[in-house]
Amino acid sequence: MKSKRKHLMVFVLLLSAGCAAYQLEPLSANHPAYPDAAAAPERPLSKTLAYTRADIPSPQPVSAMPPEQPRHEAQQSAQTERKTVVAEGKVVATVPNASQIVVEHGEIKGFMEAMTMGYRIDPPSLLEGLKFGDKVRFTIDVPKKAIVKIEKMN
């Protein structure tokens, strides 16, 4: 019993001596926990899930319609706009818990430049069986801003 007590006393002494000798370095002014540190810089807006140029923030003001086009013509052209676009690409990643897919695709004529980006999937079951590297043909529902059809290509 005495030896256990002796070992415990030695352990406590070593532990307390080791803690007393340890000191934290003072925080630098650049450290985020420093009381007078500058606020964290704002992160740039994500371009993920941007489907058209209009969805990407721009420093220039966006005009609702060109000044030379009468209002009724603008409404008619908006109604006749394509509701879906079809593209082909390669699966970079699937994110089932967020119902999203990241696809590297070529230019979608009249809609979007070639790029790699994330898309919402509706319904989420479209992700089943897809994996990195699969070549796919997909349909984007423009008003819903989501892929509504996707098929593997050989």
C-alpha atoms as a PDB file:
ATOM      1  CA  MET A   1       0.000   0.000   0.000  1.00  0.00           C
ATOM      2  CA  LYS A   2       2.851   2.337   0.875  1.00  0.00           C
ATOM      3  CA  SER A   3       4.492   1.837  -2.515  1.00  0.00           C
ATOM      4  CA  LYS A   4       1.274   2.752  -4.338  1.00  0.00           C
ATOM      5  CA  ARG A   5       0.957   5.886  -2.240  1.00  0.00           C
ATOM      6  CA  LYS A   6       4.599   6.754  -2.853  1.00  0.00           C
ATOM      7  CA  HIS A   7       4.191   6.318  -6.642  1.00  0.00           C
ATOM      8  CA  LEU A   8       1.067   8.452  -6.593  1.00  0.00           C
ATOM      9  CA  MET A   9       2.878  11.230  -4.702  1.00  0.00           C
ATOM     10  CA  VAL A  10       5.775  11.162  -7.175  1.00  0.00           C
ATOM     11  CA  PHE A  11       3.353  11.287 -10.077  1.00  0.00           C
ATOM     12  CA  VAL A  12       1.451  14.256  -8.602  1.00  0.00           C
ATOM     13  CA  LEU A  13       4.702  16.134  -7.923  1.00  0.00           C
ATOM     14  CA  LEU A  14       6.001  15.526 -11.451  1.00  0.00           C
ATOM     15  CA  LEU A  15       2.685  16.495 -12.959  1.00  0.00           C
ATOM     16  CA  SER A  16       2.413  19.732 -11.004  1.00  0.00           C
ATOM     17  CA  ALA A  17       6.057  20.631 -11.635  1.00  0.00           C
ATOM     18  CA  GLY A  18       5.652  20.015 -15.358  1.00  0.00           C
ATOM     19  CA  CYS A  19       2.516  22.183 -15.582  1.00  0.00           C
ATOM     20  CA  ALA A  20       4.084  25.018 -13.602  1.00  0.00           C
ATOM     21  CA  ALA A  21       7.049  25.183 -15.968  1.00  0.00           C
ATOM     22  CA  TYR A  22       4.888  25.363 -19.081  1.00  0.00           C
ATOM     23  CA  GLN A  23       3.862  28.819 -20.249  1.00  0.00           C
ATOM     24  CA  LEU A  24       1.858  29.800 -23.296  1.00  0.00           C
ATOM     25  CA  GLU A  25       3.436  32.167 -25.753  1.00  0.00           C
ATOM     26  CA  PRO A  26       1.646  35.518 -25.961  1.00  0.00           C
ATOM     27  CA  LEU A  27      -0.743  35.888 -28.904  1.00  0.00           C
ATOM     28  CA  SER A  28       0.488  37.950 -31.825  1.00  0.00           C
ATOM     29  CA  ALA A  29      -1.645  40.788 -33.177  1.00  0.00           C
ATOM     30  CA  ASN A  30      -2.315  38.643 -36.278  1.00  0.00           C
ATOM     31  CA  HIS A  31      -3.790  35.770 -34.261  1.00  0.00           C
ATOM     32  CA  PRO A  32      -7.614  35.606 -34.575  1.00  0.00           C
ATOM     33  CA  ALA A  33      -8.028  35.254 -30.778  1.00  0.00           C
ATOM     34  CA  TYR A  34      -6.022  38.428 -30.068  1.00  0.00           C
ATOM     35  CA  PRO A  35      -8.473  40.964 -28.568  1.00  0.00           C
ATOM     36  CA  ASP A  36      -7.471  43.806 -30.916  1.00  0.00           C
ATOM     37  CA  ALA A  37      -7.049  41.653 -34.040  1.00  0.00           C
ATOM     38  CA  ALA A  38      -8.708  42.888 -37.211  1.00  0.00           C
ATOM     39  CA  ALA A  39     -11.919  41.176 -38.231  1.00  0.00           C
ATOM     40  CA  ALA A  40     -11.510  38.262 -40.612  1.00  0.00           C
ATOM     41  CA  PRO A  41     -11.618  39.336 -44.255  1.00  0.00           C
ATOM     42  CA  GLU A  42     -14.856  38.661 -46.079  1.00  0.00           C
ATOM     43  CA  ARG A  43     -14.723  35.542 -48.158  1.00  0.00           C
ATOM     44  CA  PRO A  44     -15.513  35.923 -51.849  1.00  0.00           C
ATOM     45  CA  LEU A  45     -18.983  34.807 -52.877  1.00  0.00           C
ATOM     46  CA  SER A  46     -19.113  31.229 -54.071  1.00  0.00           C
ATOM     47  CA  LYS A  47     -19.777  30.717 -57.746  1.00  0.00           C
ATOM     48  CA  THR A  48     -20.988  27.187 -57.049  1.00  0.00           C
ATOM     49  CA  LEU A  49     -24.552  26.686 -58.221  1.00  0.00           C
ATOM     50  CA  ALA A  50     -24.423  29.749 -60.455  1.00  0.00           C
ATOM     51  CA  TYR A  51     -26.177  28.708 -63.636  1.00  0.00           C
ATOM     52  CA  THR A  52     -26.064  31.755 -65.870  1.00  0.00           C
ATOM     53  CA  ARG A  53     -23.992  34.916 -65.983  1.00  0.00           C
ATOM     54  CA  ALA A  54     -26.912  36.704 -64.293  1.00  0.00           C
ATOM     55  CA  ASP A  55     -26.460  34.492 -61.197  1.00  0.00           C
ATOM     56  CA  ILE A  56     -22.804  35.475 -60.773  1.00  0.00           C
ATOM     57  CA  PRO A  57     -22.416  38.691 -58.754  1.00  0.00           C
ATOM     58  CA  SER A  58     -21.182  41.595 -60.827  1.00  0.00           C
ATOM     59  CA  PRO A  59     -19.841  44.989 -59.777  1.00  0.00           C
ATOM     60  CA  GLN A  60     -21.852  46.539 -62.618  1.00  0.00           C
ATOM     61  CA  PRO A  61     -25.565  47.215 -62.144  1.00  0.00           C
ATOM     62  CA  VAL A  62     -27.833  44.762 -63.898  1.00  0.00           C
ATOM     63  CA  SER A  63     -30.552  46.228 -66.099  1.00  0.00           C
ATOM     64  CA  ALA A  64     -33.892  44.432 -66.047  1.00  0.00           C
ATOM     65  CA  MET A  65     -34.300  44.902 -69.798  1.00  0.00           C
ATOM     66  CA  PRO A  66     -32.503  46.725 -72.584  1.00  0.00           C
ATOM     67  CA  PRO A  67     -33.814  50.293 -72.940  1.00  0.00           C
ATOM     68  CA  GLU A  68     -34.644  49.915 -76.635  1.00  0.00           C
ATOM     69  CA  GLN A  69     -36.919  46.915 -76.084  1.00  0.00           C
ATOM     70  CA  PRO A  70     -40.569  47.646 -75.167  1.00  0.00           C
ATOM     71  CA  ARG A  71     -41.893  45.948 -72.028  1.00  0.00           C
ATOM     72  CA  HIS A  72     -44.382  43.611 -73.772  1.00  0.00           C
ATOM     73  CA  GLU A  73     -41.659  42.309 -76.125  1.00  0.00           C
ATOM     74  CA  ALA A  74     -39.397  41.555 -73.154  1.00  0.00           C
ATOM     75  CA  GLN A  75     -42.173  39.574 -71.481  1.00  0.00           C
ATOM     76  CA  GLN A  76     -42.818  37.601 -74.668  1.00  0.00           C
ATOM     77  CA  SER A  77     -39.122  36.785 -75.139  1.00  0.00           C
ATOM     78  CA  ALA A  78     -38.876  35.629 -71.498  1.00  0.00           C
ATOM     79  CA  GLN A  79     -41.844  33.304 -72.032  1.00  0.00           C
ATOM     80  CA  THR A  80     -40.325  31.797 -75.173  1.00  0.00           C
ATOM     81  CA  GLU A  81     -36.919  31.246 -73.515  1.00  0.00           C
ATOM     82  CA  ARG A  82     -35.749  27.643 -73.359  1.00  0.00           C
ATOM     83  CA  LYS A  83     -36.889  25.878 -70.202  1.00  0.00           C
ATOM     84  CA  THR A  84     -34.181  23.172 -70.353  1.00  0.00           C
ATOM     85  CA  VAL A  85     -30.687  22.760 -71.751  1.00  0.00           C
ATOM     86  CA  VAL A  86     -28.783  19.538 -72.408  1.00  0.00           C
ATOM     87  CA  ALA A  87     -25.049  19.084 -71.938  1.00  0.00           C
ATOM     88  CA  GLU A  88     -22.397  16.401 -71.667  1.00  0.00           C
ATOM     89  CA  GLY A  89     -19.587  16.132 -69.176  1.00  0.00           C
ATOM     90  CA  LYS A  90     -17.637  14.085 -66.651  1.00  0.00           C
ATOM     91  CA  VAL A  91     -18.578  13.494 -63.007  1.00  0.00           C
ATOM     92  CA  VAL A  92     -16.007  15.056 -60.670  1.00  0.00           C
ATOM     93  CA  ALA A  93     -17.892  14.330 -57.418  1.00  0.00           C
ATOM     94  CA  THR A  94     -21.295  13.430 -56.043  1.00  0.00           C
ATOM     95  CA  VAL A  95     -22.654  14.921 -52.804  1.00  0.00           C
ATOM     96  CA  PRO A  96     -25.721  12.818 -51.992  1.00  0.00           C
ATOM     97  CA  ASN A  97     -26.422  14.410 -48.586  1.00  0.00           C
ATOM     98  CA  ALA A  98     -26.734  17.816 -50.326  1.00  0.00           C
ATOM     99  CA  SER A  99     -28.428  16.447 -53.502  1.00  0.00           C
ATOM    100  CA  GLN A 100     -25.615  17.882 -55.629  1.00  0.00           C
ATOM    101  CA  ILE A 101     -23.172  16.778 -58.277  1.00  0.00           C
ATOM    102  CA  VAL A 102     -19.986  18.412 -59.516  1.00  0.00           C
ATOM    103  CA  VAL A 103     -19.564  18.087 -63.267  1.00  0.00           C
ATOM    104  CA  GLU A 104     -16.800  19.148 -65.656  1.00  0.00           C
ATOM    105  CA  HIS A 105     -18.573  20.043 -68.896  1.00  0.00           C
ATOM    106  CA  GLY A 106     -17.948  21.706 -72.214  1.00  0.00           C
ATOM    107  CA  GLU A 107     -19.668  24.824 -73.476  1.00  0.00           C
ATOM    108  CA  ILE A 108     -23.449  24.733 -73.393  1.00  0.00           C
ATOM    109  CA  LYS A 109     -24.200  26.791 -76.504  1.00  0.00           C
ATOM    110  CA  GLY A 110     -26.129  29.956 -75.763  1.00  0.00           C
ATOM    111  CA  PHE A 111     -26.226  29.164 -72.045  1.00  0.00           C
ATOM    112  CA  MET A 112     -22.853  28.715 -70.324  1.00  0.00           C
ATOM    113  CA  GLU A 113     -19.113  28.488 -70.957  1.00  0.00           C
ATOM    114  CA  ALA A 114     -17.152  25.282 -70.391  1.00  0.00           C
ATOM    115  CA  MET A 115     -16.413  24.859 -66.679  1.00  0.00           C
ATOM    116  CA  THR A 116     -16.427  22.616 -63.643  1.00  0.00           C
ATOM    117  CA  MET A 117     -19.201  23.392 -61.203  1.00  0.00           C
ATOM    118  CA  GLY A 118     -21.753  22.004 -58.802  1.00  0.00           C
ATOM    119  CA  TYR A 119     -25.407  21.499 -59.681  1.00  0.00           C
ATOM    120  CA  ARG A 120     -28.415  20.705 -57.551  1.00  0.00           C
ATOM    121  CA  ILE A 121     -30.081  17.392 -58.499  1.00  0.00           C
ATOM    122  CA  ASP A 122     -33.867  17.001 -58.491  1.00  0.00           C
ATOM    123  CA  PRO A 123     -34.835  14.286 -57.664  1.00  0.00           C
ATOM    124  CA  PRO A 124     -31.853  13.176 -55.551  1.00  0.00           C
ATOM    125  CA  SER A 125     -32.318   9.576 -56.742  1.00  0.00           C
ATOM    126  CA  LEU A 126     -30.615  10.616 -60.025  1.00  0.00           C
ATOM    127  CA  LEU A 127     -27.272  10.349 -58.197  1.00  0.00           C
ATOM    128  CA  GLU A 128     -27.652   6.595 -57.657  1.00  0.00           C
ATOM    129  CA  GLY A 129     -24.945   4.633 -59.448  1.00  0.00           C
ATOM    130  CA  LEU A 130     -22.889   7.692 -60.466  1.00  0.00           C
ATOM    131  CA  LYS A 131     -19.219   7.918 -59.521  1.00  0.00           C
ATOM    132  CA  PHE A 132     -16.093   9.921 -60.249  1.00  0.00           C
ATOM    133  CA  GLY A 133     -15.074   9.764 -63.911  1.00  0.00           C
ATOM    134  CA  ASP A 134     -18.468   8.715 -65.339  1.00  0.00           C
ATOM    135  CA  LYS A 135     -19.268  10.420 -68.628  1.00  0.00           C
ATOM    136  CA  VAL A 136     -22.813  11.748 -68.523  1.00  0.00           C
ATOM    137  CA  ARG A 137     -25.441  13.590 -70.535  1.00  0.00           C
ATOM    138  CA  PHE A 138     -27.614  15.787 -68.338  1.00  0.00           C
ATOM    139  CA  THR A 139     -30.604  18.100 -68.643  1.00  0.00           C
ATOM    140  CA  ILE A 140     -30.797  21.323 -66.641  1.00  0.00           C
ATOM    141  CA  ASP A 141     -34.227  22.762 -65.865  1.00  0.00           C
ATOM    142  CA  VAL A 142     -33.362  26.472 -66.157  1.00  0.00           C
ATOM    143  CA  PRO A 143     -36.189  27.898 -63.996  1.00  0.00           C
ATOM    144  CA  LYS A 144     -35.558  25.293 -61.248  1.00  0.00           C
ATOM    145  CA  LYS A 145     -31.769  25.687 -61.578  1.00  0.00           C
ATOM    146  CA  ALA A 146     -31.371  21.944 -61.182  1.00  0.00           C
ATOM    147  CA  ILE A 147     -30.387  18.864 -63.167  1.00  0.00           C
ATOM    148  CA  VAL A 148     -33.608  16.964 -63.738  1.00  0.00           C
ATOM    149  CA  LYS A 149     -32.297  14.152 -65.963  1.00  0.00           C
ATOM    150  CA  ILE A 150     -28.922  12.460 -66.109  1.00  0.00           C
ATOM    151  CA  GLU A 151     -27.732   9.400 -68.017  1.00  0.00           C
ATOM    152  CA  LYS A 152     -24.411   7.599 -68.229  1.00  0.00           C
ATOM    153  CA  MET A 153     -22.718   7.537 -71.599  1.00  0.00           C
ATOM    154  CA  ASN A 154     -20.351   4.806 -72.844  1.00  0.00           C
END
